[in-house]
């Protein structure tokens, strides 16, 4: 997979079609951005050149992740899933699973947190 640089950009109205929104939702579920190696299903449905949803790879994502936990200090986690009030960036202490992914780029490092088994916030 060479990235989106080699793709012909799909016009926005095409990205808003029913087929596109269905593909975008399915690919966001099937192809976790935290996996370094895409699954066979992800490649066959979304990433391979002949994949039915491949033409929508240049479309905007459907939205930011909705994290259903709060950080130890009571604040909401960043869109990355990490609690920004702690160094290093982490998941809340009450979560039973915590994986921090360090994504390196050309200019900066970025952290993504995968927090599982977190208790629901008290209302």
Foldseek 3Di string as FASTA:
>chain_A
DPDCPPADQDDVVVCPDPQNLVLLVVLCVQAPPQDPDHDPVNCQQDNPPPHPNPNNPNPDHPDQDDDQAAAPVRHRPDSLQWNPVDPPTWHHPQFPDWDWDWDDDDPDIDIHIDTHRHDGDDD
